[in-house]
């Protein structure tokens, strides 16, 4: 179990460090920014690479909503759910701390949004609470279906990280303008702790919506007749 938790810590750290780091340092870099497209691919690549690296140890969840969905679907023993979530949240917080340490070394450092998730006036596109809630639930739901389907014994083995990484890329392409994309409570928590204020006040949505979406994804997959 200890090795699984270390794997989840490392995977979630890499997801937050790589994904949020690309948003903080590279998205709008003067004249050479990677933009939304680059950030979307960065998040997808973090999951793809770490799923190949440590997925064989822990299953490669890196996300409390994924762990909830896999528990509902019968893929993760319920006794392991809380330890997994704790490891993921700690990994995200440590990654956010390292990002803050690096970012604060810039001469004219200003924290800004720090890649935190938000709705209303803190949504990149000004989308409402309801829009954010629906987007996060639907996108997490389909993320779970992709994860459960691509890791099923019914499909060729070894390709799941590619499908999962591309799914997360697509999710970000859709929802960065809406919420800055969470679908992952751990990722949202790490950034919100450093932004404080509004980010902490809105954090509840980025726990509730992804977990509801993850659970629904697990339920739907079971209704499809999965027996893995």
C-alpha atoms as a PDB file:
ATOM      1  CA  UNK A   1       0.000   0.000   0.000  1.00  0.00           C
ATOM      2  CA  UNK A   2       2.845   2.392   0.794  1.00  0.00           C
ATOM      3  CA  UNK A   3       4.201   2.089  -2.745  1.00  0.00           C
ATOM      4  CA  UNK A   4       0.745   2.842  -4.170  1.00  0.00           C
ATOM      5  CA  UNK A   5       0.441   5.983  -2.094  1.00  0.00           C
ATOM      6  CA  UNK A   6       3.908   7.174  -3.092  1.00  0.00           C
ATOM      7  CA  UNK A   7       2.963   6.588  -6.742  1.00  0.00           C
ATOM      8  CA  UNK A   8      -0.232   8.609  -6.318  1.00  0.00           C
ATOM      9  CA  UNK A   9       1.692  11.408  -4.611  1.00  0.00           C
ATOM     10  CA  UNK A  10       4.250  11.535  -7.428  1.00  0.00           C
ATOM     11  CA  UNK A  11       1.653  11.338 -10.177  1.00  0.00           C
ATOM     12  CA  UNK A  12      -0.487  14.107  -8.719  1.00  0.00           C
ATOM     13  CA  UNK A  13       2.591  16.245  -8.061  1.00  0.00           C
ATOM     14  CA  UNK A  14       3.609  15.912 -11.720  1.00  0.00           C
ATOM     15  CA  UNK A  15       0.082  16.681 -12.941  1.00  0.00           C
ATOM     16  CA  UNK A  16      -0.106  19.911 -10.938  1.00  0.00           C
ATOM     17  CA  UNK A  17       3.496  20.915 -11.491  1.00  0.00           C
ATOM     18  CA  UNK A  18       3.374  20.293 -15.241  1.00  0.00           C
ATOM     19  CA  UNK A  19      -0.170  21.410 -15.960  1.00  0.00           C
ATOM     20  CA  UNK A  20      -0.467  24.408 -13.650  1.00  0.00           C
ATOM     21  CA  UNK A  21       3.187  25.238 -14.215  1.00  0.00           C
ATOM     22  CA  UNK A  22       2.594  25.562 -17.951  1.00  0.00           C
ATOM     23  CA  UNK A  23      -0.327  27.895 -17.243  1.00  0.00           C
ATOM     24  CA  UNK A  24       1.658  30.027 -14.789  1.00  0.00           C
ATOM     25  CA  UNK A  25       4.968  30.273 -16.640  1.00  0.00           C
ATOM     26  CA  UNK A  26       4.326  29.632 -20.316  1.00  0.00           C
ATOM     27  CA  UNK A  27       0.709  30.313 -21.306  1.00  0.00           C
ATOM     28  CA  UNK A  28       1.162  34.028 -21.885  1.00  0.00           C
ATOM     29  CA  UNK A  29       4.933  34.352 -22.031  1.00  0.00           C
ATOM     30  CA  UNK A  30       5.747  37.504 -24.003  1.00  0.00           C
ATOM     31  CA  UNK A  31       5.614  36.820 -27.769  1.00  0.00           C
ATOM     32  CA  UNK A  32       6.086  33.072 -27.245  1.00  0.00           C
ATOM     33  CA  UNK A  33       3.166  31.964 -25.105  1.00  0.00           C
ATOM     34  CA  UNK A  34       1.744  28.474 -25.515  1.00  0.00           C
ATOM     35  CA  UNK A  35      -1.848  29.635 -24.895  1.00  0.00           C
ATOM     36  CA  UNK A  36      -4.843  27.469 -24.018  1.00  0.00           C
ATOM     37  CA  UNK A  37      -3.808  24.801 -26.520  1.00  0.00           C
ATOM     38  CA  UNK A  38      -0.384  24.384 -24.957  1.00  0.00           C
ATOM     39  CA  UNK A  39      -1.768  24.247 -21.428  1.00  0.00           C
ATOM     40  CA  UNK A  40      -4.345  21.651 -22.481  1.00  0.00           C
ATOM     41  CA  UNK A  41      -1.643  19.437 -23.950  1.00  0.00           C
ATOM     42  CA  UNK A  42       0.551  19.950 -20.894  1.00  0.00           C
ATOM     43  CA  UNK A  43      -2.146  18.548 -18.599  1.00  0.00           C
ATOM     44  CA  UNK A  44      -2.749  15.639 -20.945  1.00  0.00           C
ATOM     45  CA  UNK A  45       0.958  14.873 -21.178  1.00  0.00           C
ATOM     46  CA  UNK A  46       1.395  14.837 -17.407  1.00  0.00           C
ATOM     47  CA  UNK A  47      -1.242  12.117 -17.045  1.00  0.00           C
ATOM     48  CA  UNK A  48      -0.012  10.178 -20.072  1.00  0.00           C
ATOM     49  CA  UNK A  49       3.590  10.120 -18.897  1.00  0.00           C
ATOM     50  CA  UNK A  50       2.921   9.296 -15.249  1.00  0.00           C
ATOM     51  CA  UNK A  51       0.281   6.689 -16.105  1.00  0.00           C
ATOM     52  CA  UNK A  52       2.982   4.868 -18.056  1.00  0.00           C
ATOM     53  CA  UNK A  53       5.557   5.526 -15.322  1.00  0.00           C
ATOM     54  CA  UNK A  54       3.680   4.508 -12.162  1.00  0.00           C
ATOM     55  CA  UNK A  55       0.249   3.367 -13.322  1.00  0.00           C
ATOM     56  CA  UNK A  56       1.353  -0.220 -12.873  1.00  0.00           C
ATOM     57  CA  UNK A  57       1.966   0.482  -9.188  1.00  0.00           C
ATOM     58  CA  UNK A  58      -1.180   2.356  -8.111  1.00  0.00           C
ATOM     59  CA  UNK A  59      -3.478   2.352 -11.109  1.00  0.00           C
ATOM     60  CA  UNK A  60      -2.544   5.938 -11.963  1.00  0.00           C
ATOM     61  CA  UNK A  61      -5.511   7.858 -10.549  1.00  0.00           C
ATOM     62  CA  UNK A  62      -3.825  11.164  -9.536  1.00  0.00           C
ATOM     63  CA  UNK A  63      -7.291  12.572  -8.837  1.00  0.00           C
ATOM     64  CA  UNK A  64      -9.791  12.079  -5.973  1.00  0.00           C
ATOM     65  CA  UNK A  65     -12.717  12.130  -8.418  1.00  0.00           C
ATOM     66  CA  UNK A  66     -11.144   9.304 -10.402  1.00  0.00           C
ATOM     67  CA  UNK A  67     -10.592   7.302  -7.232  1.00  0.00           C
ATOM     68  CA  UNK A  68     -14.241   7.824  -6.254  1.00  0.00           C
ATOM     69  CA  UNK A  69     -15.421   6.751  -9.695  1.00  0.00           C
ATOM     70  CA  UNK A  70     -13.252   3.638  -9.660  1.00  0.00           C
ATOM     71  CA  UNK A  71     -14.518   2.776  -6.180  1.00  0.00           C
ATOM     72  CA  UNK A  72     -18.123   3.090  -7.349  1.00  0.00           C
ATOM     73  CA  UNK A  73     -17.305   0.938 -10.375  1.00  0.00           C
ATOM     74  CA  UNK A  74     -15.746  -1.732  -8.173  1.00  0.00           C
ATOM     75  CA  UNK A  75     -12.198  -1.214  -9.414  1.00  0.00           C
ATOM     76  CA  UNK A  76     -10.777   0.217  -6.161  1.00  0.00           C
ATOM     77  CA  UNK A  77     -11.446  -1.280  -2.703  1.00  0.00           C
ATOM     78  CA  UNK A  78     -13.315   1.248  -0.570  1.00  0.00           C
ATOM     79  CA  UNK A  79     -10.714   0.789   2.187  1.00  0.00           C
ATOM     80  CA  UNK A  80      -8.103   2.379  -0.111  1.00  0.00           C
ATOM     81  CA  UNK A  81     -10.156   5.408  -1.155  1.00  0.00           C
ATOM     82  CA  UNK A  82      -9.318   7.793   1.709  1.00  0.00           C
ATOM     83  CA  UNK A  83      -5.569   6.997   1.722  1.00  0.00           C
ATOM     84  CA  UNK A  84      -5.489   7.554  -2.052  1.00  0.00           C
ATOM     85  CA  UNK A  85      -7.261  10.904  -1.735  1.00  0.00           C
ATOM     86  CA  UNK A  86      -4.916  12.059   1.033  1.00  0.00           C
ATOM     87  CA  UNK A  87      -1.839  11.133  -1.016  1.00  0.00           C
ATOM     88  CA  UNK A  88      -3.245  12.972  -4.042  1.00  0.00           C
ATOM     89  CA  UNK A  89      -4.098  16.132  -2.124  1.00  0.00           C
ATOM     90  CA  UNK A  90      -0.693  16.221  -0.437  1.00  0.00           C
ATOM     91  CA  UNK A  91       1.007  15.753  -3.809  1.00  0.00           C
ATOM     92  CA  UNK A  92      -0.979  18.649  -5.263  1.00  0.00           C
ATOM     93  CA  UNK A  93      -0.198  20.953  -2.337  1.00  0.00           C
ATOM     94  CA  UNK A  94       3.515  20.193  -2.471  1.00  0.00           C
ATOM     95  CA  UNK A  95       3.536  20.842  -6.223  1.00  0.00           C
ATOM     96  CA  UNK A  96       1.745  24.170  -5.718  1.00  0.00           C
ATOM     97  CA  UNK A  97       4.316  25.092  -3.072  1.00  0.00           C
ATOM     98  CA  UNK A  98       7.185  24.365  -5.461  1.00  0.00           C
ATOM     99  CA  UNK A  99       5.461  26.388  -8.182  1.00  0.00           C
ATOM    100  CA  UNK A 100       5.055  29.288  -5.747  1.00  0.00           C
ATOM    101  CA  UNK A 101       8.723  29.068  -4.754  1.00  0.00           C
ATOM    102  CA  UNK A 102       9.801  29.241  -8.390  1.00  0.00           C
ATOM    103  CA  UNK A 103       7.317  31.941  -9.388  1.00  0.00           C
ATOM    104  CA  UNK A 104       8.192  34.175  -6.445  1.00  0.00           C
ATOM    105  CA  UNK A 105      11.797  34.307  -7.639  1.00  0.00           C
ATOM    106  CA  UNK A 106      10.826  36.643 -10.485  1.00  0.00           C
ATOM    107  CA  UNK A 107      11.778  40.259  -9.863  1.00  0.00           C
ATOM    108  CA  UNK A 108       8.295  41.697 -10.489  1.00  0.00           C
ATOM    109  CA  UNK A 109       6.411  38.716  -9.034  1.00  0.00           C
ATOM    110  CA  UNK A 110       2.662  39.033  -8.627  1.00  0.00           C
ATOM    111  CA  UNK A 111       0.641  35.979  -7.581  1.00  0.00           C
ATOM    112  CA  UNK A 112      -2.366  36.732  -9.775  1.00  0.00           C
ATOM    113  CA  UNK A 113      -4.735  33.837 -10.376  1.00  0.00           C
ATOM    114  CA  UNK A 114      -1.957  31.240  -9.972  1.00  0.00           C
ATOM    115  CA  UNK A 115      -3.907  28.840 -12.269  1.00  0.00           C
ATOM    116  CA  UNK A 116      -6.665  28.516  -9.650  1.00  0.00           C
ATOM    117  CA  UNK A 117     -10.163  27.442 -10.641  1.00  0.00           C
ATOM    118  CA  UNK A 118     -13.126  29.781 -10.423  1.00  0.00           C
ATOM    119  CA  UNK A 119     -16.564  30.773 -11.624  1.00  0.00           C
ATOM    120  CA  UNK A 120     -18.400  34.062 -12.054  1.00  0.00           C
ATOM    121  CA  UNK A 121     -15.937  36.942 -12.088  1.00  0.00           C
ATOM    122  CA  UNK A 122     -13.110  34.452 -11.535  1.00  0.00           C
ATOM    123  CA  UNK A 123     -14.001  32.342 -14.566  1.00  0.00           C
ATOM    124  CA  UNK A 124     -11.645  33.148 -17.484  1.00  0.00           C
ATOM    125  CA  UNK A 125     -14.704  33.659 -19.680  1.00  0.00           C
ATOM    126  CA  UNK A 126     -17.058  34.999 -17.027  1.00  0.00           C
ATOM    127  CA  UNK A 127     -19.199  31.850 -16.800  1.00  0.00           C
ATOM    128  CA  UNK A 128     -21.709  31.436 -13.977  1.00  0.00           C
ATOM    129  CA  UNK A 129     -21.756  29.026 -11.051  1.00  0.00           C
ATOM    130  CA  UNK A 130     -24.345  26.872 -12.864  1.00  0.00           C
ATOM    131  CA  UNK A 131     -22.247  26.750 -16.029  1.00  0.00           C
ATOM    132  CA  UNK A 132     -19.193  25.742 -14.020  1.00  0.00           C
ATOM    133  CA  UNK A 133     -21.111  23.100 -12.088  1.00  0.00           C
ATOM    134  CA  UNK A 134     -22.590  21.488 -15.202  1.00  0.00           C
ATOM    135  CA  UNK A 135     -19.302  21.580 -17.119  1.00  0.00           C
ATOM    136  CA  UNK A 136     -17.284  20.030 -14.299  1.00  0.00           C
ATOM    137  CA  UNK A 137     -19.842  17.249 -13.693  1.00  0.00           C
ATOM    138  CA  UNK A 138     -20.253  16.324 -17.357  1.00  0.00           C
ATOM    139  CA  UNK A 139     -16.550  16.439 -18.184  1.00  0.00           C
ATOM    140  CA  UNK A 140     -15.546  14.385 -15.144  1.00  0.00           C
ATOM    141  CA  UNK A 141     -18.287  11.864 -15.923  1.00  0.00           C
ATOM    142  CA  UNK A 142     -16.959  11.291 -19.428  1.00  0.00           C
ATOM    143  CA  UNK A 143     -13.376  11.261 -18.168  1.00  0.00           C
ATOM    144  CA  UNK A 144     -14.307   8.315 -15.949  1.00  0.00           C
ATOM    145  CA  UNK A 145     -15.992   6.500 -18.808  1.00  0.00           C
ATOM    146  CA  UNK A 146     -12.833   6.895 -20.901  1.00  0.00           C
ATOM    147  CA  UNK A 147     -10.670   5.683 -18.014  1.00  0.00           C
ATOM    148  CA  UNK A 148     -12.873   2.688 -17.238  1.00  0.00           C
ATOM    149  CA  UNK A 149     -13.319   1.771 -20.880  1.00  0.00           C
ATOM    150  CA  UNK A 150      -9.686   2.107 -21.901  1.00  0.00           C
ATOM    151  CA  UNK A 151      -8.528   0.005 -18.935  1.00  0.00           C
ATOM    152  CA  UNK A 152     -11.141  -2.693 -19.523  1.00  0.00           C
ATOM    153  CA  UNK A 153     -10.054  -6.211 -20.480  1.00  0.00           C
ATOM    154  CA  UNK A 154     -12.249  -5.813 -23.562  1.00  0.00           C
ATOM    155  CA  UNK A 155      -9.725  -3.509 -25.252  1.00  0.00           C
ATOM    156  CA  UNK A 156      -6.053  -4.060 -26.179  1.00  0.00           C
ATOM    157  CA  UNK A 157      -3.755  -3.667 -23.192  1.00  0.00           C
ATOM    158  CA  UNK A 158      -1.066  -1.021 -22.924  1.00  0.00           C
ATOM    159  CA  UNK A 159      -2.760   1.891 -24.691  1.00  0.00           C
ATOM    160  CA  UNK A 160      -4.917   3.243 -21.854  1.00  0.00           C
ATOM    161  CA  UNK A 161      -2.544   6.093 -20.850  1.00  0.00           C
ATOM    162  CA  UNK A 162      -2.722   7.482 -24.386  1.00  0.00           C
ATOM    163  CA  UNK A 163      -6.530   7.544 -24.415  1.00  0.00           C
ATOM    164  CA  UNK A 164      -6.676   8.987 -20.901  1.00  0.00           C
ATOM    165  CA  UNK A 165      -4.086  11.671 -21.623  1.00  0.00           C
ATOM    166  CA  UNK A 166      -5.846  12.721 -24.818  1.00  0.00           C
ATOM    167  CA  UNK A 167      -9.191  12.784 -22.998  1.00  0.00           C
ATOM    168  CA  UNK A 168      -7.770  15.161 -20.398  1.00  0.00           C
ATOM    169  CA  UNK A 169      -6.364  17.326 -23.185  1.00  0.00           C
ATOM    170  CA  UNK A 170      -9.790  17.514 -24.807  1.00  0.00           C
ATOM    171  CA  UNK A 171     -11.410  18.322 -21.464  1.00  0.00           C
ATOM    172  CA  UNK A 172      -9.063  21.286 -21.041  1.00  0.00           C
ATOM    173  CA  UNK A 173      -9.646  22.482 -24.592  1.00  0.00           C
ATOM    174  CA  UNK A 174     -13.350  22.650 -23.774  1.00  0.00           C
ATOM    175  CA  UNK A 175     -13.316  24.065 -20.271  1.00  0.00           C
ATOM    176  CA  UNK A 176     -10.298  26.303 -19.663  1.00  0.00           C
ATOM    177  CA  UNK A 177     -12.464  29.324 -20.604  1.00  0.00           C
ATOM    178  CA  UNK A 178     -15.232  28.139 -18.269  1.00  0.00           C
ATOM    179  CA  UNK A 179     -13.463  27.263 -14.997  1.00  0.00           C
ATOM    180  CA  UNK A 180      -9.757  27.089 -15.842  1.00  0.00           C
ATOM    181  CA  UNK A 181     -10.547  23.349 -15.763  1.00  0.00           C
ATOM    182  CA  UNK A 182     -10.527  21.329 -12.593  1.00  0.00           C
ATOM    183  CA  UNK A 183     -12.132  17.870 -12.941  1.00  0.00           C
ATOM    184  CA  UNK A 184      -9.707  17.167 -10.099  1.00  0.00           C
ATOM    185  CA  UNK A 185     -10.282  18.337  -6.500  1.00  0.00           C
ATOM    186  CA  UNK A 186      -6.633  17.850  -5.552  1.00  0.00           C
ATOM    187  CA  UNK A 187      -5.404  20.071  -8.383  1.00  0.00           C
ATOM    188  CA  UNK A 188      -7.898  22.763  -7.334  1.00  0.00           C
ATOM    189  CA  UNK A 189      -6.986  22.554  -3.648  1.00  0.00           C
ATOM    190  CA  UNK A 190      -3.251  23.059  -4.077  1.00  0.00           C
ATOM    191  CA  UNK A 191      -3.642  26.268  -6.080  1.00  0.00           C
ATOM    192  CA  UNK A 192      -6.492  27.633  -3.939  1.00  0.00           C
ATOM    193  CA  UNK A 193      -4.450  27.365  -0.744  1.00  0.00           C
ATOM    194  CA  UNK A 194      -1.893  29.796  -2.133  1.00  0.00           C
ATOM    195  CA  UNK A 195      -4.363  32.192  -3.745  1.00  0.00           C
ATOM    196  CA  UNK A 196      -6.637  32.217  -0.682  1.00  0.00           C
ATOM    197  CA  UNK A 197      -9.677  34.519  -0.552  1.00  0.00           C
ATOM    198  CA  UNK A 198     -12.023  33.920  -3.479  1.00  0.00           C
ATOM    199  CA  UNK A 199     -10.266  30.704  -4.534  1.00  0.00           C
ATOM    200  CA  UNK A 200     -10.897  29.081  -1.158  1.00  0.00           C
ATOM    201  CA  UNK A 201     -14.467  30.378  -1.096  1.00  0.00           C
ATOM    202  CA  UNK A 202     -15.188  28.774  -4.473  1.00  0.00           C
ATOM    203  CA  UNK A 203     -13.219  25.585  -3.840  1.00  0.00           C
ATOM    204  CA  UNK A 204     -16.316  23.681  -2.693  1.00  0.00           C
ATOM    205  CA  UNK A 205     -17.592  23.515  -6.293  1.00  0.00           C
ATOM    206  CA  UNK A 206     -14.363  21.940  -7.480  1.00  0.00           C
ATOM    207  CA  UNK A 207     -14.767  19.158  -4.937  1.00  0.00           C
ATOM    208  CA  UNK A 208     -18.502  18.595  -5.292  1.00  0.00           C
ATOM    209  CA  UNK A 209     -18.835  18.697  -9.089  1.00  0.00           C
ATOM    210  CA  UNK A 210     -15.903  16.408  -9.996  1.00  0.00           C
ATOM    211  CA  UNK A 211     -16.815  13.870  -7.295  1.00  0.00           C
ATOM    212  CA  UNK A 212     -20.450  13.803  -8.444  1.00  0.00           C
ATOM    213  CA  UNK A 213     -19.270  13.427 -12.040  1.00  0.00           C
ATOM    214  CA  UNK A 214     -16.814  10.697 -11.098  1.00  0.00           C
ATOM    215  CA  UNK A 215     -19.441   8.746  -9.175  1.00  0.00           C
ATOM    216  CA  UNK A 216     -21.926   9.061 -12.036  1.00  0.00           C
ATOM    217  CA  UNK A 217     -19.287   7.860 -14.474  1.00  0.00           C
ATOM    218  CA  UNK A 218     -18.703   4.779 -12.312  1.00  0.00           C
ATOM    219  CA  UNK A 219     -22.434   4.088 -12.111  1.00  0.00           C
ATOM    220  CA  UNK A 220     -22.926   4.458 -15.870  1.00  0.00           C
ATOM    221  CA  UNK A 221     -20.017   2.158 -16.591  1.00  0.00           C
ATOM    222  CA  UNK A 222     -21.518  -0.495 -14.339  1.00  0.00           C
ATOM    223  CA  UNK A 223     -24.831  -0.150 -16.205  1.00  0.00           C
ATOM    224  CA  UNK A 224     -22.982  -0.869 -19.439  1.00  0.00           C
ATOM    225  CA  UNK A 225     -22.284  -4.316 -18.062  1.00  0.00           C
ATOM    226  CA  UNK A 226     -18.626  -3.990 -17.191  1.00  0.00           C
ATOM    227  CA  UNK A 227     -17.350  -6.997 -15.244  1.00  0.00           C
ATOM    228  CA  UNK A 228     -13.644  -6.122 -14.951  1.00  0.00           C
END
